[in-house]
Protein backbone atom coordinates (compact mmCIF):
# COMPACT_ATOMS: atom_id res chain seq x y z
CA MET A 1 -169.40 -150.12 -11.11
CA MET A 2 -171.18 -148.14 -13.85
CA ALA A 3 -172.15 -150.16 -16.90
CA PRO A 4 -170.03 -149.35 -19.99
CA THR A 5 -173.08 -148.22 -22.02
CA THR A 6 -174.29 -145.93 -19.24
CA LEU A 7 -170.82 -144.47 -18.78
CA LEU A 8 -170.51 -143.87 -22.53
CA LEU A 9 -173.84 -142.05 -22.69
CA LEU A 10 -172.97 -139.96 -19.63
CA CYS A 11 -169.67 -138.90 -21.20
CA CYS A 12 -171.47 -138.03 -24.42
CA CYS A 13 -173.97 -135.83 -22.59
CA LEU A 14 -171.15 -133.98 -20.87
CA LEU A 15 -169.42 -133.46 -24.20
CA ALA A 16 -172.60 -132.37 -25.94
CA PHE A 17 -173.37 -129.68 -23.38
CA PRO A 18 -170.09 -128.25 -22.10
CA ALA A 19 -169.90 -126.01 -19.10
CA PRO A 20 -170.29 -122.29 -19.83
CA GLY A 21 -167.04 -120.48 -20.46
CA PRO A 22 -165.43 -117.75 -22.49
CA LEU A 23 -166.84 -117.59 -26.01
CA ALA A 24 -163.45 -117.80 -27.71
CA ALA A 25 -162.60 -120.94 -25.78
CA GLY A 26 -165.75 -122.60 -27.14
CA ALA A 27 -165.40 -121.42 -30.73
CA PHE A 28 -165.26 -125.05 -31.88
CA VAL A 29 -166.72 -127.57 -29.43
CA GLY A 30 -165.32 -131.07 -29.85
CA GLY A 31 -164.10 -132.07 -33.29
CA TYR A 32 -167.17 -132.17 -35.53
CA GLY A 33 -168.92 -129.35 -37.38
CA ILE A 34 -170.89 -128.89 -40.57
CA ASN A 35 -171.14 -126.47 -43.49
CA TYR A 36 -174.63 -125.10 -44.08
CA GLY A 37 -174.67 -124.07 -47.74
CA ARG A 38 -177.88 -122.68 -49.19
CA ILE A 39 -177.49 -122.57 -52.99
CA ALA A 40 -180.75 -124.46 -53.38
CA ASN A 41 -184.48 -123.83 -53.74
CA ASN A 42 -185.77 -126.87 -51.89
CA ILE A 43 -184.06 -126.92 -48.47
CA PRO A 44 -185.79 -126.28 -45.13
CA SER A 45 -186.21 -122.82 -43.64
CA PRO A 46 -183.48 -121.68 -41.23
CA ASP A 47 -185.68 -122.31 -38.17
CA LYS A 48 -186.21 -125.91 -39.30
CA VAL A 49 -182.47 -126.22 -39.90
CA VAL A 50 -181.80 -125.18 -36.30
CA GLU A 51 -184.24 -127.87 -35.17
CA LEU A 52 -182.45 -130.42 -37.35
CA LEU A 53 -179.01 -129.44 -36.04
CA ARG A 54 -180.13 -129.68 -32.43
CA LYS A 55 -181.78 -133.06 -33.00
CA SER A 56 -178.65 -134.40 -34.66
CA LYS A 57 -176.50 -132.80 -31.93
CA ILE A 58 -174.25 -130.89 -34.32
CA ARG A 59 -173.00 -127.85 -32.41
CA ASN A 60 -170.55 -126.22 -34.84
CA VAL A 61 -171.99 -124.65 -37.99
CA LYS A 62 -170.38 -122.64 -40.78
CA ILE A 63 -172.25 -120.62 -43.40
CA TYR A 64 -171.03 -118.78 -46.49
CA ASP A 65 -172.55 -115.35 -45.89
CA ALA A 66 -174.22 -113.41 -43.08
CA ASP A 67 -177.86 -113.87 -44.06
CA HIS A 68 -180.08 -112.25 -41.44
CA SER A 69 -182.76 -114.95 -41.63
CA VAL A 70 -180.11 -117.45 -40.52
CA LEU A 71 -178.74 -115.15 -37.82
CA ASP A 72 -182.27 -114.64 -36.49
CA ALA A 73 -183.05 -118.37 -36.53
CA PHE A 74 -179.89 -119.16 -34.54
CA LYS A 75 -180.82 -116.77 -31.71
CA GLY A 76 -180.97 -118.63 -28.42
CA SER A 77 -180.05 -121.94 -30.05
CA GLY A 78 -176.69 -122.30 -28.29
CA LEU A 79 -175.15 -123.38 -31.61
CA ASN A 80 -171.72 -122.06 -32.58
CA LEU A 81 -172.00 -120.13 -35.84
CA VAL A 82 -169.24 -119.02 -38.21
CA ILE A 83 -170.38 -116.41 -40.71
CA ALA A 84 -168.62 -115.25 -43.86
CA ILE A 85 -167.48 -112.28 -45.89
CA PRO A 86 -167.67 -113.72 -49.43
CA ASN A 87 -165.03 -113.22 -52.10
CA GLY A 88 -167.12 -110.55 -53.75
CA LEU A 89 -166.69 -108.26 -50.73
CA VAL A 90 -162.96 -108.82 -50.14
CA LYS A 91 -161.80 -105.78 -52.12
CA ASP A 92 -164.42 -103.63 -50.44
CA MET A 93 -163.20 -104.72 -46.99
CA ALA A 94 -159.59 -104.09 -47.99
CA ALA A 95 -160.16 -100.52 -49.17
CA ASN A 96 -160.43 -98.96 -45.71
CA GLU A 97 -161.49 -99.74 -42.15
CA SER A 98 -164.86 -98.00 -42.31
CA ARG A 99 -166.47 -100.62 -44.57
CA PRO A 100 -165.64 -103.55 -42.26
CA MET A 101 -167.00 -101.51 -39.33
CA ASP A 102 -170.26 -100.98 -41.23
CA TRP A 103 -170.43 -104.70 -42.01
CA LEU A 104 -169.77 -105.70 -38.40
CA ASN A 105 -172.34 -103.21 -37.13
CA GLN A 106 -174.93 -104.63 -39.50
CA ASN A 107 -174.21 -108.35 -39.28
CA VAL A 108 -172.52 -109.06 -35.95
CA LYS A 109 -173.08 -106.50 -33.21
CA PRO A 110 -176.93 -106.51 -33.31
CA TYR A 111 -177.04 -110.31 -32.96
CA LEU A 112 -174.70 -110.80 -30.02
CA PRO A 113 -174.94 -112.45 -27.58
CA GLN A 114 -178.24 -114.15 -28.48
CA THR A 115 -176.75 -115.54 -31.69
CA ARG A 116 -173.49 -117.24 -30.81
CA ILE A 117 -171.27 -115.89 -33.61
CA VAL A 118 -167.85 -117.39 -32.89
CA GLY A 119 -166.01 -116.86 -36.16
CA ILE A 120 -165.82 -114.91 -39.40
CA THR A 121 -164.27 -116.24 -42.59
CA VAL A 122 -162.84 -113.66 -44.95
CA GLY A 123 -163.01 -115.04 -48.47
CA ASN A 124 -162.90 -118.71 -49.44
CA GLU A 125 -160.10 -120.40 -51.39
CA VAL A 126 -158.78 -117.02 -52.55
CA LEU A 127 -155.04 -117.75 -52.70
CA GLY A 128 -154.36 -120.14 -55.53
CA GLY A 129 -157.70 -119.23 -57.09
CA GLN A 130 -158.25 -117.84 -60.56
CA ASP A 131 -158.85 -114.23 -59.50
CA GLN A 132 -155.34 -113.09 -58.64
CA SER A 133 -156.59 -109.53 -58.14
CA LEU A 134 -157.94 -110.71 -54.78
CA TYR A 135 -154.60 -111.96 -53.41
CA GLN A 136 -153.30 -108.74 -51.85
CA PRO A 137 -156.74 -107.40 -50.89
CA LEU A 138 -157.32 -110.62 -48.91
CA VAL A 139 -154.42 -109.81 -46.59
CA ASP A 140 -155.62 -106.23 -46.12
CA ALA A 141 -159.25 -107.29 -45.63
CA VAL A 142 -158.35 -109.77 -42.89
CA LYS A 143 -156.44 -107.08 -41.01
CA ASN A 144 -159.21 -104.50 -41.41
CA VAL A 145 -161.93 -106.87 -40.22
CA TYR A 146 -159.83 -107.84 -37.21
CA ASN A 147 -159.23 -104.18 -36.38
CA GLY A 148 -162.98 -103.65 -36.57
CA LEU A 149 -163.50 -106.46 -34.08
CA LYS A 150 -160.94 -104.83 -31.79
CA ARG A 151 -162.79 -101.53 -31.90
CA LEU A 152 -165.93 -103.39 -30.84
CA HIS A 153 -163.96 -105.32 -28.15
CA LEU A 154 -164.90 -108.60 -29.84
CA GLU A 155 -161.49 -109.80 -30.98
CA LYS A 156 -161.22 -112.29 -28.10
CA GLN A 157 -164.73 -113.66 -28.72
CA ILE A 158 -164.75 -114.03 -32.51
CA GLU A 159 -162.10 -115.92 -34.47
CA ILE A 160 -161.13 -114.70 -37.93
CA PHE A 161 -159.70 -116.94 -40.65
CA THR A 162 -159.71 -117.72 -44.37
CA PRO A 163 -160.04 -121.27 -45.76
CA HIS A 164 -157.52 -122.47 -48.36
CA SER A 165 -157.80 -125.11 -51.06
CA GLU A 166 -155.11 -127.65 -51.88
CA ALA A 167 -154.11 -125.27 -54.71
CA VAL A 168 -151.92 -123.30 -52.29
CA PHE A 169 -149.49 -126.24 -52.09
CA ALA A 170 -146.72 -126.92 -54.62
CA THR A 171 -146.73 -130.60 -53.70
CA SER A 172 -148.43 -132.71 -51.07
CA TYR A 173 -146.81 -136.14 -51.47
CA PRO A 174 -145.25 -137.42 -49.41
CA PRO A 175 -146.86 -135.31 -46.65
CA SER A 176 -143.49 -134.20 -45.24
CA ALA A 177 -142.49 -132.71 -48.61
CA CYS A 178 -145.44 -130.34 -48.80
CA VAL A 179 -144.60 -126.66 -49.28
CA PHE A 180 -146.57 -123.59 -50.30
CA LYS A 181 -146.29 -122.45 -53.91
CA GLU A 182 -143.47 -119.95 -54.16
CA GLU A 183 -145.54 -117.48 -56.15
CA LEU A 184 -148.10 -117.32 -53.33
CA MET A 185 -145.61 -116.61 -50.55
CA PRO A 186 -145.70 -112.79 -50.96
CA TYR A 187 -149.34 -113.05 -49.81
CA MET A 188 -149.30 -116.22 -47.71
CA LYS A 189 -146.38 -115.12 -45.54
CA PRO A 190 -147.93 -111.85 -44.26
CA LEU A 191 -151.26 -113.62 -43.82
CA LEU A 192 -149.66 -116.35 -41.71
CA ASP A 193 -147.64 -113.76 -39.78
CA PHE A 194 -150.85 -111.99 -38.87
CA PHE A 195 -152.72 -115.17 -37.95
CA ALA A 196 -149.79 -116.26 -35.79
CA THR A 197 -149.94 -112.92 -33.97
CA ILE A 198 -153.68 -113.13 -33.25
CA GLY A 199 -153.75 -116.91 -32.64
CA SER A 200 -155.89 -117.99 -35.60
CA PRO A 201 -155.58 -121.51 -37.02
CA PHE A 202 -154.75 -122.42 -40.62
CA TYR A 203 -157.91 -123.73 -42.29
CA VAL A 204 -157.71 -126.05 -45.30
CA ASN A 205 -160.40 -127.65 -47.45
CA ALA A 206 -159.32 -131.29 -47.52
CA TYR A 207 -161.10 -133.64 -49.93
CA PRO A 208 -159.79 -137.18 -50.39
CA PHE A 209 -162.69 -137.54 -52.82
CA LEU A 210 -161.23 -134.93 -55.16
CA ALA A 211 -157.77 -136.46 -54.91
CA TYR A 212 -159.20 -139.89 -55.71
CA ILE A 213 -161.21 -138.83 -58.77
CA SER A 214 -158.14 -137.05 -60.14
CA ASP A 215 -156.19 -140.35 -60.25
CA PRO A 216 -158.39 -143.38 -59.50
CA GLU A 217 -155.98 -145.79 -61.20
CA HIS A 218 -153.19 -145.07 -58.73
CA ILE A 219 -155.03 -144.18 -55.50
CA ASP A 220 -156.52 -146.99 -53.42
CA ILE A 221 -160.12 -146.01 -52.73
CA ASN A 222 -159.92 -147.82 -49.39
CA TYR A 223 -157.14 -145.40 -48.38
CA ALA A 224 -159.44 -142.50 -49.26
CA LEU A 225 -162.45 -143.98 -47.42
CA PHE A 226 -160.75 -144.93 -44.10
CA LYS A 227 -161.22 -148.62 -44.96
CA PRO A 228 -158.60 -151.30 -44.25
CA ASN A 229 -155.59 -150.90 -46.54
CA ASN A 230 -151.80 -151.05 -46.49
CA GLY A 231 -151.49 -147.29 -46.31
CA ILE A 232 -148.30 -145.39 -47.07
CA VAL A 233 -145.06 -144.70 -45.23
CA ASP A 234 -143.57 -141.24 -45.55
CA PRO A 235 -139.94 -141.93 -46.52
CA ASN A 236 -138.70 -138.77 -44.82
CA THR A 237 -140.37 -139.26 -41.43
CA SER A 238 -141.09 -143.02 -41.42
CA LEU A 239 -144.63 -142.14 -40.32
CA HIS A 240 -147.35 -144.54 -41.45
CA TYR A 241 -150.65 -143.23 -42.85
CA ASP A 242 -153.67 -145.50 -43.15
CA ASN A 243 -155.95 -142.81 -44.57
CA MET A 244 -155.60 -139.86 -46.93
CA PHE A 245 -157.43 -137.40 -44.66
CA ASP A 246 -154.66 -137.53 -42.03
CA ALA A 247 -152.01 -137.32 -44.76
CA GLN A 248 -153.61 -134.16 -46.17
CA ILE A 249 -153.65 -132.52 -42.74
CA ASP A 250 -150.03 -133.42 -42.05
CA ALA A 251 -149.07 -132.09 -45.48
CA ALA A 252 -150.49 -128.73 -44.38
CA TYR A 253 -148.49 -128.95 -41.15
CA ALA A 254 -145.35 -129.66 -43.20
CA ALA A 255 -145.97 -126.60 -45.37
CA LEU A 256 -146.44 -124.45 -42.27
CA HIS A 257 -143.20 -125.85 -40.84
CA ALA A 258 -141.32 -125.03 -44.02
CA ALA A 259 -142.70 -121.49 -43.89
CA GLY A 260 -141.65 -121.06 -40.26
CA PHE A 261 -144.99 -121.56 -38.47
CA ASP A 262 -144.51 -124.68 -36.36
CA ASN A 263 -147.01 -123.72 -33.69
CA MET A 264 -150.01 -122.95 -35.93
CA GLU A 265 -152.91 -125.38 -35.68
CA VAL A 266 -154.40 -126.89 -38.83
CA ARG A 267 -158.17 -127.28 -38.98
CA VAL A 268 -160.38 -128.52 -41.81
CA ALA A 269 -162.89 -126.00 -43.16
CA GLU A 270 -164.48 -128.47 -45.59
CA THR A 271 -164.34 -132.19 -46.22
CA GLY A 272 -166.88 -134.57 -47.67
CA TRP A 273 -167.73 -137.15 -50.30
CA ALA A 274 -170.28 -136.83 -53.10
CA SER A 275 -173.13 -139.35 -53.24
CA SER A 276 -173.53 -138.87 -57.00
CA GLY A 277 -171.75 -137.15 -59.86
CA ASP A 278 -170.85 -137.18 -63.53
CA GLN A 279 -169.75 -140.37 -65.26
CA THR A 280 -166.17 -139.10 -65.16
CA GLU A 281 -166.26 -138.72 -61.36
CA ALA A 282 -165.11 -142.12 -60.16
CA GLY A 283 -166.24 -143.14 -56.71
CA ALA A 284 -169.16 -140.69 -56.44
CA SER A 285 -171.83 -142.95 -54.94
CA SER A 286 -174.19 -143.07 -52.01
CA GLU A 287 -172.39 -146.07 -50.51
CA ASN A 288 -168.97 -144.40 -50.70
CA ALA A 289 -170.37 -141.15 -49.30
CA ARG A 290 -171.90 -143.06 -46.39
CA THR A 291 -168.66 -144.96 -45.78
CA TYR A 292 -166.50 -141.83 -45.83
CA ASN A 293 -168.77 -139.75 -43.60
CA PHE A 294 -169.43 -142.60 -41.16
CA ASN A 295 -165.73 -143.40 -40.79
CA LEU A 296 -164.76 -139.73 -40.64
CA ARG A 297 -167.31 -139.15 -37.89
CA LYS A 298 -165.87 -142.06 -35.91
CA ARG A 299 -162.36 -140.73 -36.45
CA LEU A 300 -163.26 -137.22 -35.26
CA PHE A 301 -165.08 -138.59 -32.21
CA LEU A 302 -161.87 -140.22 -31.03
CA ARG A 303 -160.43 -136.70 -30.63
CA LYS A 304 -157.03 -137.93 -31.71
CA GLY A 305 -154.33 -136.20 -33.67
CA THR A 306 -152.48 -137.16 -36.82
CA PRO A 307 -149.29 -139.22 -37.14
CA LEU A 308 -147.24 -136.00 -37.20
CA LYS A 309 -149.23 -134.21 -34.47
CA PRO A 310 -150.65 -137.01 -32.30
CA LYS A 311 -151.47 -134.76 -29.35
CA ARG A 312 -153.42 -132.16 -31.35
CA PRO A 313 -157.00 -133.42 -31.96
CA VAL A 314 -158.36 -132.80 -35.44
CA LYS A 315 -161.33 -130.47 -35.90
CA ALA A 316 -163.31 -130.46 -39.14
CA TYR A 317 -166.42 -128.99 -40.73
CA ILE A 318 -168.18 -131.55 -42.92
CA PHE A 319 -169.43 -130.55 -46.34
CA ALA A 320 -172.37 -130.37 -46.37
CA LEU A 321 -175.67 -130.24 -44.55
CA PHE A 322 -177.82 -130.52 -47.71
CA ASN A 323 -177.49 -131.24 -51.40
CA GLU A 324 -177.51 -127.86 -53.16
CA ASN A 325 -179.48 -128.27 -56.37
CA GLN A 326 -178.64 -124.84 -57.79
CA LYS A 327 -174.85 -125.08 -57.65
CA PHE A 328 -172.93 -124.90 -60.89
CA GLY A 329 -170.07 -127.14 -61.95
CA ALA A 330 -169.59 -130.89 -61.95
CA GLY A 331 -172.49 -133.12 -60.96
CA SER A 332 -170.84 -133.94 -57.64
CA GLU A 333 -171.17 -130.29 -56.56
CA ARG A 334 -174.90 -130.87 -56.03
CA HIS A 335 -174.60 -134.12 -54.06
CA TYR A 336 -172.62 -133.67 -50.84
CA GLY A 337 -175.55 -133.40 -48.41
CA LEU A 338 -175.94 -135.52 -45.28
CA PHE A 339 -179.66 -134.66 -45.22
CA LEU A 340 -182.50 -134.60 -47.73
CA PRO A 341 -184.59 -131.44 -48.27
CA ASP A 342 -187.36 -132.73 -45.98
CA GLY A 343 -184.92 -133.29 -43.11
CA ARG A 344 -184.51 -137.06 -43.48
CA ILE A 345 -181.00 -138.46 -43.52
CA SER A 346 -179.49 -139.15 -46.94
CA TYR A 347 -177.74 -142.25 -45.60
CA ASP A 348 -177.19 -143.69 -42.15
CA ILE A 349 -174.04 -142.47 -40.40
CA GLY A 350 -175.52 -142.44 -36.90
CA VAL A 351 -177.26 -139.05 -36.80
CA SER A 352 -180.96 -138.28 -36.49
CA GLY A 353 -183.09 -136.45 -39.03
CA LEU A 354 -186.33 -134.55 -38.56
CA LEU A 355 -188.35 -137.43 -40.01
CA PRO A 356 -187.95 -141.21 -40.00
CA SER A 357 -185.79 -142.26 -42.94
CA SER A 358 -185.82 -145.16 -45.34
CA ALA A 359 -182.03 -145.30 -44.99
CA SER A 360 -181.41 -148.62 -43.32
CA SER A 361 -179.27 -148.83 -40.23
CA SER A 362 -178.76 -152.49 -41.01
CA MET A 363 -175.96 -151.32 -43.31
CA LEU A 364 -173.95 -150.60 -40.21
CA SER A 365 -172.56 -153.38 -38.09
CA ILE A 366 -172.45 -151.04 -35.09
CA LYS A 367 -174.53 -147.90 -34.86
CA ILE A 368 -172.81 -145.08 -33.03
CA ILE A 369 -175.13 -143.44 -30.50
CA VAL A 370 -172.76 -140.79 -29.29
CA ASP A 371 -172.50 -137.07 -29.78
CA PHE A 372 -169.54 -135.80 -31.75
CA ASP A 373 -169.70 -132.13 -30.82
């Protein structure tokens, strides 16, 4: 009989390097991915980032543009890459179908198949955002980009989606009561109709950290950090939630149900916890960031669903690969990184950096030595 440790490592190797198959089928391998933001002047070059990702066995990567230095660095890496059309280009993409074709011919077609581009995000947190002039163009831009992919015969290889913030919801507590804001439905409904037709998931940016700092007196931080707690019971479904992350995902499922989209999958485009922040940002600490990301990684490795959708494993992109020292906003915006600029780990959650780290693994009672991708 194979020893448990040997069997575990064998299973992890098989999961880390899946058998070749259709690109669309492997758009998100396993349940764990990461956001590679680059609003910084001290992070490693893209080729070093690829080395870091491979060493830490993170297979799914999402960026916020289509920078050619990144696309070049990812050639031959085998890593799944999601690229982005930023908010500033949404109106341009919505105007006609020729501009998306130009963009695809510049940023996608020349890099395939060597660079494994598996997805394109159109905008980020547009609906519910401050610039309402982007709401209708977002819907048109998504359709135009998809039509461009069809003309290139890439629509079955490259997934298209747009991430949403929690601002699209009118309420999210209890999870079963969540609905989309009525004023957004003229844009959300046609967007969801289109995504349902082409088979795209609903992506949400889910941050228990942000929920906690908005009301630290009434939210149990243990509930936000996946630590032991009493949890909550949804009075409408009698489902028990022992962590806020699952509750936020099921709230999105409830909103989709109310809008008539029961079969649409919910995925998480961003989630993370800041290791530092302003004095007003309760809970922003290195220890809490380590706890959240360590427990989240364990949770995603289990490939389990949520209380509402137990048979649908959760997939999430972690925010973020590095601290981004040139981001504007609250102090926490510059402190989400799992890795330091030199490639060492910021804190020990069971991944490897490019260099030995001073982060002590003695903080962990059990170190996970498995691959989550």
